[in-house]
Amino acid sequence: KYYEEYCMGWFRQTPGKKREAVASIDSDGNTIYAPSVKGRATVS
């Protein structure tokens, strides 16, 4: 459904590891990146 006003995020997980936050984008389009992907990732 329409989710314009939602905060959205990306995560990743490997076997035996905790779920890791990758990036987020809020309802205004502001983005935050984890150090592991900063400079290599773009969330939109």
PDB file of all heavy atoms in Angstrom:
ATOM      1  N   LYS A   1       0.829  -1.189   0.000  1.00  0.00           N
ATOM      2  CA  LYS A   1       0.000   0.000   0.000  1.00  0.00           C
ATOM      3  C   LYS A   1       0.869   1.245   0.000  1.00  0.00           C
ATOM      4  O   LYS A   1       2.088   1.167   0.163  1.00  0.00           O
ATOM      5  CB  LYS A   1      -0.941   0.009   1.206  1.00  0.00           C
ATOM      6  CG  LYS A   1      -0.239   0.144   2.548  1.00  0.00           C
ATOM      7  CD  LYS A   1      -1.234   0.233   3.692  1.00  0.00           C
ATOM      8  CE  LYS A   1      -0.549   0.458   5.021  1.00  0.00           C
ATOM      9  NZ  LYS A   1      -1.532   0.553   6.127  1.00  0.00           N
ATOM     10  N   TYR A   2       0.250   2.387  -0.163  1.00  0.00           N
ATOM     11  CA  TYR A   2       0.940   3.669  -0.123  1.00  0.00           C
ATOM     12  C   TYR A   2       1.636   3.842   1.221  1.00  0.00           C
ATOM     13  O   TYR A   2       1.015   3.737   2.273  1.00  0.00           O
ATOM     14  CB  TYR A   2      -0.068   4.783  -0.359  1.00  0.00           C
ATOM     15  CG  TYR A   2       0.521   6.158  -0.529  1.00  0.00           C
ATOM     16  CD1 TYR A   2       1.309   6.470  -1.629  1.00  0.00           C
ATOM     17  CD2 TYR A   2       0.258   7.160   0.398  1.00  0.00           C
ATOM     18  CE1 TYR A   2       1.840   7.733  -1.795  1.00  0.00           C
ATOM     19  CE2 TYR A   2       0.777   8.428   0.238  1.00  0.00           C
ATOM     20  CZ  TYR A   2       1.568   8.714  -0.857  1.00  0.00           C
ATOM     21  OH  TYR A   2       2.085   9.977  -1.020  1.00  0.00           O
ATOM     22  N   TYR A   3       2.953   4.103   1.201  1.00  0.00           N
ATOM     23  CA  TYR A   3       3.718   4.185   2.447  1.00  0.00           C
ATOM     24  C   TYR A   3       4.582   5.442   2.500  1.00  0.00           C
ATOM     25  O   TYR A   3       5.638   5.457   3.135  1.00  0.00           O
ATOM     26  CB  TYR A   3       4.574   2.932   2.622  1.00  0.00           C
ATOM     27  CG  TYR A   3       5.722   2.801   1.655  1.00  0.00           C
ATOM     28  CD1 TYR A   3       7.032   2.979   2.098  1.00  0.00           C
ATOM     29  CD2 TYR A   3       5.512   2.498   0.319  1.00  0.00           C
ATOM     30  CE1 TYR A   3       8.095   2.860   1.219  1.00  0.00           C
ATOM     31  CE2 TYR A   3       6.566   2.379  -0.567  1.00  0.00           C
ATOM     32  CZ  TYR A   3       7.858   2.562  -0.107  1.00  0.00           C
ATOM     33  OH  TYR A   3       8.914   2.440  -0.973  1.00  0.00           O
ATOM     34  N   GLU A   4       4.142   6.508   1.887  1.00  0.00           N
ATOM     35  CA  GLU A   4       4.910   7.753   1.818  1.00  0.00           C
ATOM     36  C   GLU A   4       5.331   8.262   3.191  1.00  0.00           C
ATOM     37  O   GLU A   4       6.407   8.844   3.335  1.00  0.00           O
ATOM     38  CB  GLU A   4       4.096   8.831   1.094  1.00  0.00           C
ATOM     39  CG  GLU A   4       4.825  10.155   0.943  1.00  0.00           C
ATOM     40  CD  GLU A   4       4.008  11.192   0.208  1.00  0.00           C
ATOM     41  OE1 GLU A   4       2.811  10.953  -0.048  1.00  0.00           O
ATOM     42  OE2 GLU A   4       4.562  12.264  -0.131  1.00  0.00           O
ATOM     43  N   GLU A   5       4.519   8.045   4.215  1.00  0.00           N
ATOM     44  CA  GLU A   5       4.790   8.581   5.542  1.00  0.00           C
ATOM     45  C   GLU A   5       5.505   7.599   6.461  1.00  0.00           C
ATOM     46  O   GLU A   5       5.617   7.846   7.652  1.00  0.00           O
ATOM     47  CB  GLU A   5       3.485   9.055   6.184  1.00  0.00           C
ATOM     48  CG  GLU A   5       2.814  10.180   5.416  1.00  0.00           C
ATOM     49  CD  GLU A   5       1.542  10.669   6.070  1.00  0.00           C
ATOM     50  OE1 GLU A   5       1.124  10.097   7.088  1.00  0.00           O
ATOM     51  OE2 GLU A   5       0.955  11.642   5.565  1.00  0.00           O
ATOM     52  N   TYR A   6       6.015   6.485   5.926  1.00  0.00           N
ATOM     53  CA  TYR A   6       6.731   5.485   6.714  1.00  0.00           C
ATOM     54  C   TYR A   6       8.229   5.741   6.725  1.00  0.00           C
ATOM     55  O   TYR A   6       8.810   6.206   5.743  1.00  0.00           O
ATOM     56  CB  TYR A   6       6.497   4.093   6.136  1.00  0.00           C
ATOM     57  CG  TYR A   6       5.187   3.443   6.513  1.00  0.00           C
ATOM     58  CD1 TYR A   6       3.970   4.022   6.198  1.00  0.00           C
ATOM     59  CD2 TYR A   6       5.186   2.219   7.174  1.00  0.00           C
ATOM     60  CE1 TYR A   6       2.778   3.411   6.536  1.00  0.00           C
ATOM     61  CE2 TYR A   6       3.992   1.601   7.507  1.00  0.00           C
ATOM     62  CZ  TYR A   6       2.791   2.203   7.185  1.00  0.00           C
ATOM     63  OH  TYR A   6       1.610   1.582   7.508  1.00  0.00           O
ATOM     64  N   CYS A   7       8.856   5.421   7.851  1.00  0.00           N
ATOM     65  CA  CYS A   7      10.293   5.205   7.873  1.00  0.00           C
ATOM     66  C   CYS A   7      10.567   3.836   7.255  1.00  0.00           C
ATOM     67  O   CYS A   7       9.890   2.861   7.583  1.00  0.00           O
ATOM     68  CB  CYS A   7      10.813   5.242   9.312  1.00  0.00           C
ATOM     69  SG  CYS A   7      12.462   4.559   9.549  1.00  0.00           S
ATOM     70  N   MET A   8      11.551   3.764   6.368  1.00  0.00           N
ATOM     71  CA  MET A   8      11.896   2.518   5.707  1.00  0.00           C
ATOM     72  C   MET A   8      13.369   2.192   5.937  1.00  0.00           C
ATOM     73  O   MET A   8      14.203   3.099   6.035  1.00  0.00           O
ATOM     74  CB  MET A   8      11.640   2.602   4.203  1.00  0.00           C
ATOM     75  CG  MET A   8      10.197   2.927   3.829  1.00  0.00           C
ATOM     76  SD  MET A   8       9.050   1.591   4.248  1.00  0.00           S
ATOM     77  CE  MET A   8       9.626   0.298   3.143  1.00  0.00           C
ATOM     78  N   GLY A   9      13.684   0.908   6.017  1.00  0.00           N
ATOM     79  CA  GLY A   9      15.055   0.513   6.268  1.00  0.00           C
ATOM     80  C   GLY A   9      15.457  -0.759   5.549  1.00  0.00           C
ATOM     81  O   GLY A   9      14.614  -1.566   5.154  1.00  0.00           O
ATOM     82  N   TRP A  10      16.770  -0.927   5.374  1.00  0.00           N
ATOM     83  CA  TRP A  10      17.362  -2.141   4.817  1.00  0.00           C
ATOM     84  C   TRP A  10      18.260  -2.789   5.871  1.00  0.00           C
ATOM     85  O   TRP A  10      19.012  -2.097   6.570  1.00  0.00           O
ATOM     86  CB  TRP A  10      18.201  -1.843   3.577  1.00  0.00           C
ATOM     87  CG  TRP A  10      17.417  -1.564   2.347  1.00  0.00           C
ATOM     88  CD1 TRP A  10      17.140  -0.355   1.798  1.00  0.00           C
ATOM     89  CD2 TRP A  10      16.809  -2.539   1.489  1.00  0.00           C
ATOM     90  NE1 TRP A  10      16.402  -0.501   0.657  1.00  0.00           N
ATOM     91  CE2 TRP A  10      16.178  -1.821   0.442  1.00  0.00           C
ATOM     92  CE3 TRP A  10      16.735  -3.933   1.505  1.00  0.00           C
ATOM     93  CZ2 TRP A  10      15.487  -2.472  -0.583  1.00  0.00           C
ATOM     94  CZ3 TRP A  10      16.036  -4.577   0.494  1.00  0.00           C
ATOM     95  CH2 TRP A  10      15.429  -3.854  -0.531  1.00  0.00           C
ATOM     96  N   PHE A  11      18.171  -4.111   5.965  1.00  0.00           N
ATOM     97  CA  PHE A  11      18.998  -4.903   6.865  1.00  0.00           C
ATOM     98  C   PHE A  11      19.608  -6.066   6.095  1.00  0.00           C
ATOM     99  O   PHE A  11      19.159  -6.414   5.013  1.00  0.00           O
ATOM    100  CB  PHE A  11      18.169  -5.458   8.026  1.00  0.00           C
ATOM    101  CG  PHE A  11      17.746  -4.425   9.028  1.00  0.00           C
ATOM    102  CD1 PHE A  11      16.680  -3.585   8.764  1.00  0.00           C
ATOM    103  CD2 PHE A  11      18.411  -4.294  10.232  1.00  0.00           C
ATOM    104  CE1 PHE A  11      16.277  -2.630   9.679  1.00  0.00           C
ATOM    105  CE2 PHE A  11      18.018  -3.345  11.165  1.00  0.00           C
ATOM    106  CZ  PHE A  11      16.950  -2.514  10.878  1.00  0.00           C
ATOM    107  N   ARG A  12      20.615  -6.690   6.695  1.00  0.00           N
ATOM    108  CA  ARG A  12      21.165  -7.914   6.129  1.00  0.00           C
ATOM    109  C   ARG A  12      21.583  -8.846   7.252  1.00  0.00           C
ATOM    110  O   ARG A  12      21.900  -8.417   8.358  1.00  0.00           O
ATOM    111  CB  ARG A  12      22.332  -7.633   5.188  1.00  0.00           C
ATOM    112  CG  ARG A  12      23.549  -6.996   5.839  1.00  0.00           C
ATOM    113  CD  ARG A  12      24.550  -6.625   4.759  1.00  0.00           C
ATOM    114  NE  ARG A  12      25.774  -6.064   5.304  1.00  0.00           N
ATOM    115  CZ  ARG A  12      26.762  -5.578   4.562  1.00  0.00           C
ATOM    116  NH1 ARG A  12      26.667  -5.590   3.231  1.00  0.00           N
ATOM    117  NH2 ARG A  12      27.850  -5.086   5.144  1.00  0.00           N
ATOM    118  N   GLN A  13      21.597 -10.151   6.938  1.00  0.00           N
ATOM    119  CA  GLN A  13      21.919 -11.151   7.942  1.00  0.00           C
ATOM    120  C   GLN A  13      22.573 -12.361   7.285  1.00  0.00           C
ATOM    121  O   GLN A  13      22.122 -12.834   6.245  1.00  0.00           O
ATOM    122  CB  GLN A  13      20.664 -11.586   8.692  1.00  0.00           C
ATOM    123  CG  GLN A  13      20.931 -12.483   9.889  1.00  0.00           C
ATOM    124  CD  GLN A  13      19.704 -12.650  10.762  1.00  0.00           C
ATOM    125  OE1 GLN A  13      18.573 -12.486  10.307  1.00  0.00           O
ATOM    126  NE2 GLN A  13      19.920 -12.954  12.029  1.00  0.00           N
ATOM    127  N   THR A  14      23.643 -12.867   7.917  1.00  0.00           N
ATOM    128  CA  THR A  14      24.319 -14.084   7.485  1.00  0.00           C
ATOM    129  C   THR A  14      24.158 -15.140   8.568  1.00  0.00           C
ATOM    130  O   THR A  14      23.896 -14.810   9.732  1.00  0.00           O
ATOM    131  CB  THR A  14      25.805 -13.827   7.217  1.00  0.00           C
ATOM    132  OG1 THR A  14      26.422 -13.286   8.398  1.00  0.00           O
ATOM    133  CG2 THR A  14      25.988 -12.834   6.072  1.00  0.00           C
ATOM    134  N   PRO A  15      24.317 -16.431   8.221  1.00  0.00           N
ATOM    135  CA  PRO A  15      24.159 -17.490   9.226  1.00  0.00           C
ATOM    136  C   PRO A  15      25.073 -17.288  10.424  1.00  0.00           C
ATOM    137  O   PRO A  15      26.268 -17.028  10.278  1.00  0.00           O
ATOM    138  CB  PRO A  15      24.531 -18.759   8.455  1.00  0.00           C
ATOM    139  CG  PRO A  15      24.203 -18.436   7.037  1.00  0.00           C
ATOM    140  CD  PRO A  15      24.559 -16.985   6.876  1.00  0.00           C
ATOM    141  N   GLY A  16      24.500 -17.394  11.615  1.00  0.00           N
ATOM    142  CA  GLY A  16      25.261 -17.244  12.837  1.00  0.00           C
ATOM    143  C   GLY A  16      25.531 -15.820  13.261  1.00  0.00           C
ATOM    144  O   GLY A  16      26.173 -15.600  14.291  1.00  0.00           O
ATOM    145  N   LYS A  17      25.054 -14.849  12.489  1.00  0.00           N
ATOM    146  CA  LYS A  17      25.288 -13.446  12.804  1.00  0.00           C
ATOM    147  C   LYS A  17      23.970 -12.735  13.123  1.00  0.00           C
ATOM    148  O   LYS A  17      22.901 -13.147  12.680  1.00  0.00           O
ATOM    149  CB  LYS A  17      25.974 -12.738  11.634  1.00  0.00           C
ATOM    150  CG  LYS A  17      27.308 -13.331  11.221  1.00  0.00           C
ATOM    151  CD  LYS A  17      28.361 -13.098  12.287  1.00  0.00           C
ATOM    152  CE  LYS A  17      29.714 -13.642  11.836  1.00  0.00           C
ATOM    153  NZ  LYS A  17      30.253 -12.877  10.680  1.00  0.00           N
ATOM    154  N   LYS A  18      24.081 -11.652  13.881  1.00  0.00           N
ATOM    155  CA  LYS A  18      22.914 -10.831  14.177  1.00  0.00           C
ATOM    156  C   LYS A  18      22.516 -10.028  12.948  1.00  0.00           C
ATOM    157  O   LYS A  18      23.339  -9.738  12.088  1.00  0.00           O
ATOM    158  CB  LYS A  18      23.209  -9.890  15.346  1.00  0.00           C
ATOM    159  CG  LYS A  18      23.418 -10.577  16.678  1.00  0.00           C
ATOM    160  CD  LYS A  18      23.662  -9.556  17.774  1.00  0.00           C
ATOM    161  CE  LYS A  18      23.819 -10.225  19.120  1.00  0.00           C
ATOM    162  NZ  LYS A  18      24.072  -9.237  20.205  1.00  0.00           N
ATOM    163  N   ARG A  19      21.251  -9.671  12.897  1.00  0.00           N
ATOM    164  CA  ARG A  19      20.771  -8.849  11.810  1.00  0.00           C
ATOM    165  C   ARG A  19      21.417  -7.467  11.887  1.00  0.00           C
ATOM    166  O   ARG A  19      21.401  -6.816  12.940  1.00  0.00           O
ATOM    167  CB  ARG A  19      19.247  -8.738  11.863  1.00  0.00           C
ATOM    168  CG  ARG A  19      18.638  -8.061  10.653  1.00  0.00           C
ATOM    169  CD  ARG A  19      17.139  -8.350  10.564  1.00  0.00           C
ATOM    170  NE  ARG A  19      16.879  -9.768  10.345  1.00  0.00           N
ATOM    171  CZ  ARG A  19      15.686 -10.272  10.054  1.00  0.00           C
ATOM    172  NH1 ARG A  19      14.637  -9.475   9.949  1.00  0.00           N
ATOM    173  NH2 ARG A  19      15.549 -11.570   9.887  1.00  0.00           N
ATOM    174  N   GLU A  20      21.977  -7.015  10.770  1.00  0.00           N
ATOM    175  CA  GLU A  20      22.745  -5.780  10.712  1.00  0.00           C
ATOM    176  C   GLU A  20      21.982  -4.717   9.945  1.00  0.00           C
ATOM    177  O   GLU A  20      21.545  -4.954   8.812  1.00  0.00           O
ATOM    178  CB  GLU A  20      24.096  -6.035  10.038  1.00  0.00           C
ATOM    179  CG  GLU A  20      24.923  -4.779   9.791  1.00  0.00           C
ATOM    180  CD  GLU A  20      26.107  -5.015   8.876  1.00  0.00           C
ATOM    181  OE1 GLU A  20      26.131  -6.051   8.186  1.00  0.00           O
ATOM    182  OE2 GLU A  20      27.020  -4.166   8.856  1.00  0.00           O
ATOM    183  N   ALA A  21      21.839  -3.545  10.539  1.00  0.00           N
ATOM    184  CA  ALA A  21      21.234  -2.421   9.832  1.00  0.00           C
ATOM    185  C   ALA A  21      22.175  -1.934   8.744  1.00  0.00           C
ATOM    186  O   ALA A  21      23.372  -1.762   8.979  1.00  0.00           O
ATOM    187  CB  ALA A  21      20.918  -1.292  10.804  1.00  0.00           C
ATOM    188  N   VAL A  22      21.650  -1.709   7.549  1.00  0.00           N
ATOM    189  CA  VAL A  22      22.423  -1.241   6.406  1.00  0.00           C
ATOM    190  C   VAL A  22      22.163   0.227   6.128  1.00  0.00           C
ATOM    191  O   VAL A  22      23.096   1.012   5.949  1.00  0.00           O
ATOM    192  CB  VAL A  22      22.116  -2.084   5.154  1.00  0.00           C
ATOM    193  CG1 VAL A  22      22.852  -1.521   3.933  1.00  0.00           C
ATOM    194  CG2 VAL A  22      22.484  -3.536   5.384  1.00  0.00           C
ATOM    195  N   ALA A  23      20.892   0.607   6.076  1.00  0.00           N
ATOM    196  CA  ALA A  23      20.533   1.979   5.742  1.00  0.00           C
ATOM    197  C   ALA A  23      19.091   2.248   6.131  1.00  0.00           C
ATOM    198  O   ALA A  23      18.301   1.323   6.327  1.00  0.00           O
ATOM    199  CB  ALA A  23      20.717   2.241   4.245  1.00  0.00           C
ATOM    200  N   SER A  24      18.742   3.526   6.234  1.00  0.00           N
ATOM    201  CA  SER A  24      17.369   3.931   6.480  1.00  0.00           C
ATOM    202  C   SER A  24      17.048   5.175   5.675  1.00  0.00           C
ATOM    203  O   SER A  24      17.944   5.929   5.284  1.00  0.00           O
ATOM    204  CB  SER A  24      17.114   4.185   7.971  1.00  0.00           C
ATOM    205  OG  SER A  24      17.823   5.326   8.418  1.00  0.00           O
ATOM    206  N   ILE A  25      15.760   5.383   5.426  1.00  0.00           N
ATOM    207  CA  ILE A  25      15.289   6.589   4.755  1.00  0.00           C
ATOM    208  C   ILE A  25      13.949   6.957   5.368  1.00  0.00           C
ATOM    209  O   ILE A  25      13.038   6.131   5.425  1.00  0.00           O
ATOM    210  CB  ILE A  25      15.207   6.391   3.224  1.00  0.00           C
ATOM    211  CG1 ILE A  25      14.732   7.674   2.540  1.00  0.00           C
ATOM    212  CG2 ILE A  25      14.328   5.201   2.857  1.00  0.00           C
ATOM    213  CD1 ILE A  25      14.939   7.649   1.025  1.00  0.00           C
ATOM    214  N   ASP A  26      13.832   8.198   5.860  1.00  0.00           N
ATOM    215  CA  ASP A  26      12.607   8.588   6.525  1.00  0.00           C
ATOM    216  C   ASP A  26      11.590   9.145   5.541  1.00  0.00           C
ATOM    217  O   ASP A  26      11.818   9.176   4.329  1.00  0.00           O
ATOM    218  CB  ASP A  26      12.893   9.555   7.686  1.00  0.00           C
ATOM    219  CG  ASP A  26      13.402  10.922   7.236  1.00  0.00           C
ATOM    220  OD1 ASP A  26      13.301  11.258   6.036  1.00  0.00           O
ATOM    221  OD2 ASP A  26      13.900  11.670   8.105  1.00  0.00           O
ATOM    222  N   SER A  27      10.462   9.600   6.076  1.00  0.00           N
ATOM    223  CA  SER A  27       9.374  10.062   5.220  1.00  0.00           C
ATOM    224  C   SER A  27       9.710  11.337   4.458  1.00  0.00           C
ATOM    225  O   SER A  27       9.031  11.659   3.477  1.00  0.00           O
ATOM    226  CB  SER A  27       8.106  10.276   6.052  1.00  0.00           C
ATOM    227  OG  SER A  27       8.321  11.241   7.066  1.00  0.00           O
ATOM    228  N   ASP A  28      10.747  12.057   4.900  1.00  0.00           N
ATOM    229  CA  ASP A  28      11.200  13.261   4.207  1.00  0.00           C
ATOM    230  C   ASP A  28      12.337  12.985   3.229  1.00  0.00           C
ATOM    231  O   ASP A  28      12.824  13.906   2.573  1.00  0.00           O
ATOM    232  CB  ASP A  28      11.647  14.319   5.209  1.00  0.00           C
ATOM    233  CG  ASP A  28      10.511  14.841   6.050  1.00  0.00           C
ATOM    234  OD1 ASP A  28       9.400  15.020   5.508  1.00  0.00           O
ATOM    235  OD2 ASP A  28      10.720  15.070   7.258  1.00  0.00           O
ATOM    236  N   GLY A  29      12.788  11.729   3.152  1.00  0.00           N
ATOM    237  CA  GLY A  29      13.862  11.371   2.248  1.00  0.00           C
ATOM    238  C   GLY A  29      15.252  11.458   2.841  1.00  0.00           C
ATOM    239  O   GLY A  29      16.239  11.276   2.118  1.00  0.00           O
ATOM    240  N   ASN A  30      15.372  11.728   4.140  1.00  0.00           N
ATOM    241  CA  ASN A  30      16.673  11.757   4.795  1.00  0.00           C
ATOM    242  C   ASN A  30      17.218  10.346   4.942  1.00  0.00           C
ATOM    243  O   ASN A  30      16.492   9.433   5.334  1.00  0.00           O
ATOM    244  CB  ASN A  30      16.562  12.410   6.174  1.00  0.00           C
ATOM    245  CG  ASN A  30      16.050  13.831   6.092  1.00  0.00           C
ATOM    246  OD1 ASN A  30      16.619  14.663   5.399  1.00  0.00           O
ATOM    247  ND2 ASN A  30      14.966  14.113   6.812  1.00  0.00           N
ATOM    248  N   THR A  31      18.506  10.166   4.645  1.00  0.00           N
ATOM    249  CA  THR A  31      19.116   8.841   4.650  1.00  0.00           C
ATOM    250  C   THR A  31      20.224   8.727   5.683  1.00  0.00           C
ATOM    251  O   THR A  31      20.900   9.704   6.007  1.00  0.00           O
ATOM    252  CB  THR A  31      19.690   8.493   3.274  1.00  0.00           C
ATOM    253  OG1 THR A  31      20.670   9.474   2.904  1.00  0.00           O
ATOM    254  CG2 THR A  31      18.591   8.475   2.223  1.00  0.00           C
ATOM    255  N   ILE A  32      20.405   7.509   6.199  1.00  0.00           N
ATOM    256  CA  ILE A  32      21.476   7.176   7.128  1.00  0.00           C
ATOM    257  C   ILE A  32      22.060   5.840   6.686  1.00  0.00           C
ATOM    258  O   ILE A  32      21.324   4.920   6.336  1.00  0.00           O
ATOM    259  CB  ILE A  32      20.976   7.072   8.579  1.00  0.00           C
ATOM    260  CG1 ILE A  32      20.207   8.333   8.992  1.00  0.00           C
ATOM    261  CG2 ILE A  32      22.147   6.839   9.528  1.00  0.00           C
ATOM    262  CD1 ILE A  32      19.520   8.197  10.343  1.00  0.00           C
ATOM    263  N   TYR A  33      23.402   5.722   6.723  1.00  0.00           N
ATOM    264  CA  TYR A  33      24.081   4.511   6.284  1.00  0.00           C
ATOM    265  C   TYR A  33      24.966   3.945   7.377  1.00  0.00           C
ATOM    266  O   TYR A  33      25.563   4.685   8.160  1.00  0.00           O
ATOM    267  CB  TYR A  33      24.929   4.787   5.043  1.00  0.00           C
ATOM    268  CG  TYR A  33      24.118   5.241   3.864  1.00  0.00           C
ATOM    269  CD1 TYR A  33      23.969   6.590   3.572  1.00  0.00           C
ATOM    270  CD2 TYR A  33      23.485   4.312   3.039  1.00  0.00           C
ATOM    271  CE1 TYR A  33      23.211   7.011   2.496  1.00  0.00           C
ATOM    272  CE2 TYR A  33      22.726   4.721   1.961  1.00  0.00           C
ATOM    273  CZ  TYR A  33      22.594   6.068   1.691  1.00  0.00           C
ATOM    274  OH  TYR A  33      21.839   6.471   0.617  1.00  0.00           O
ATOM    275  N   ALA A  34      25.056   2.623   7.410  1.00  0.00           N
ATOM    276  CA  ALA A  34      25.970   1.962   8.321  1.00  0.00           C
ATOM    277  C   ALA A  34      27.405   2.148   7.832  1.00  0.00           C
ATOM    278  O   ALA A  34      27.646   2.271   6.624  1.00  0.00           O
ATOM    279  CB  ALA A  34      25.643   0.473   8.414  1.00  0.00           C
ATOM    280  N   PRO A  35      28.388   2.159   8.761  1.00  0.00           N
ATOM    281  CA  PRO A  35      29.788   2.301   8.338  1.00  0.00           C
ATOM    282  C   PRO A  35      30.236   1.261   7.324  1.00  0.00           C
ATOM    283  O   PRO A  35      31.078   1.559   6.468  1.00  0.00           O
ATOM    284  CB  PRO A  35      30.558   2.162   9.658  1.00  0.00           C
ATOM    285  CG  PRO A  35      29.599   2.615  10.702  1.00  0.00           C
ATOM    286  CD  PRO A  35      28.254   2.138  10.222  1.00  0.00           C
ATOM    287  N   SER A  36      29.684   0.057   7.385  1.00  0.00           N
ATOM    288  CA  SER A  36      30.107  -1.016   6.500  1.00  0.00           C
ATOM    289  C   SER A  36      29.773  -0.763   5.037  1.00  0.00           C
ATOM    290  O   SER A  36      30.386  -1.365   4.149  1.00  0.00           O
ATOM    291  CB  SER A  36      29.481  -2.339   6.946  1.00  0.00           C
ATOM    292  OG  SER A  36      28.069  -2.255   6.951  1.00  0.00           O
ATOM    293  N   VAL A  37      28.804   0.111   4.754  1.00  0.00           N
ATOM    294  CA  VAL A  37      28.403   0.378   3.379  1.00  0.00           C
ATOM    295  C   VAL A  37      28.495   1.842   3.000  1.00  0.00           C
ATOM    296  O   VAL A  37      28.256   2.189   1.838  1.00  0.00           O
ATOM    297  CB  VAL A  37      26.968  -0.120   3.095  1.00  0.00           C
ATOM    298  CG1 VAL A  37      26.856  -1.610   3.351  1.00  0.00           C
ATOM    299  CG2 VAL A  37      25.955   0.660   3.926  1.00  0.00           C
ATOM    300  N   LYS A  38      28.844   2.702   3.943  1.00  0.00           N
ATOM    301  CA  LYS A  38      28.904   4.135   3.660  1.00  0.00           C
ATOM    302  C   LYS A  38      29.876   4.413   2.524  1.00  0.00           C
ATOM    303  O   LYS A  38      30.996   3.923   2.513  1.00  0.00           O
ATOM    304  CB  LYS A  38      29.312   4.896   4.918  1.00  0.00           C
ATOM    305  CG  LYS A  38      29.127   6.405   4.828  1.00  0.00           C
ATOM    306  CD  LYS A  38      29.344   7.068   6.186  1.00  0.00           C
ATOM    307  CE  LYS A  38      28.323   6.608   7.205  1.00  0.00           C
ATOM    308  NZ  LYS A  38      28.496   7.298   8.522  1.00  0.00           N
ATOM    309  N   GLY A  39      29.414   5.198   1.559  1.00  0.00           N
ATOM    310  CA  GLY A  39      30.209   5.500   0.385  1.00  0.00           C
ATOM    311  C   GLY A  39      29.983   4.541  -0.761  1.00  0.00           C
ATOM    312  O   GLY A  39      30.399   4.817  -1.892  1.00  0.00           O
ATOM    313  N   ARG A  40      29.339   3.397  -0.509  1.00  0.00           N
ATOM    314  CA  ARG A  40      29.077   2.403  -1.535  1.00  0.00           C
ATOM    315  C   ARG A  40      27.587   2.183  -1.768  1.00  0.00           C
ATOM    316  O   ARG A  40      27.213   1.558  -2.758  1.00  0.00           O
ATOM    317  CB  ARG A  40      29.706   1.062  -1.171  1.00  0.00           C
ATOM    318  CG  ARG A  40      31.215   1.108  -0.980  1.00  0.00           C
ATOM    319  CD  ARG A  40      31.785  -0.298  -0.805  1.00  0.00           C
ATOM    320  NE  ARG A  40      31.273  -0.955   0.391  1.00  0.00           N
ATOM    321  CZ  ARG A  40      30.620  -2.111   0.390  1.00  0.00           C
ATOM    322  NH1 ARG A  40      30.393  -2.745  -0.752  1.00  0.00           N
ATOM    323  NH2 ARG A  40      30.200  -2.644   1.528  1.00  0.00           N
ATOM    324  N   ALA A  41      26.744   2.662  -0.859  1.00  0.00           N
ATOM    325  CA  ALA A  41      25.311   2.379  -0.900  1.00  0.00           C
ATOM    326  C   ALA A  41      24.496   3.643  -1.110  1.00  0.00           C
ATOM    327  O   ALA A  41      24.875   4.736  -0.678  1.00  0.00           O
ATOM    328  CB  ALA A  41      24.872   1.693   0.382  1.00  0.00           C
ATOM    329  N   THR A  42      23.365   3.475  -1.779  1.00  0.00           N
ATOM    330  CA  THR A  42      22.397   4.546  -1.955  1.00  0.00           C
ATOM    331  C   THR A  42      21.001   3.977  -1.742  1.00  0.00           C
ATOM    332  O   THR A  42      20.607   3.041  -2.435  1.00  0.00           O
ATOM    333  CB  THR A  42      22.473   5.184  -3.347  1.00  0.00           C
ATOM    334  OG1 THR A  42      23.789   5.706  -3.575  1.00  0.00           O
ATOM    335  CG2 THR A  42      21.459   6.322  -3.462  1.00  0.00           C
ATOM    336  N   VAL A  43      20.278   4.519  -0.779  1.00  0.00           N
ATOM    337  CA  VAL A  43      18.899   4.118  -0.549  1.00  0.00           C
ATOM    338  C   VAL A  43      17.989   5.233  -1.047  1.00  0.00           C
ATOM    339  O   VAL A  43      18.275   6.416  -0.839  1.00  0.00           O
ATOM    340  CB  VAL A  43      18.646   3.791   0.939  1.00  0.00           C
ATOM    341  CG1 VAL A  43      18.879   5.002   1.827  1.00  0.00           C
ATOM    342  CG2 VAL A  43      17.239   3.235   1.133  1.00  0.00           C
ATOM    343  N   SER A  44      16.930   4.865  -1.730  1.00  0.00           N
ATOM    344  CA  SER A  44      15.994   5.842  -2.270  1.00  0.00           C
ATOM    345  C   SER A  44      14.586   5.267  -2.223  1.00  0.00           C
ATOM    346  O   SER A  44      14.396   4.068  -1.986  1.00  0.00           O
ATOM    347  CB  SER A  44      16.371   6.222  -3.705  1.00  0.00           C
ATOM    348  OG  SER A  44      16.358   5.093  -4.558  1.00  0.00           O
TER     349      SER A  44
END
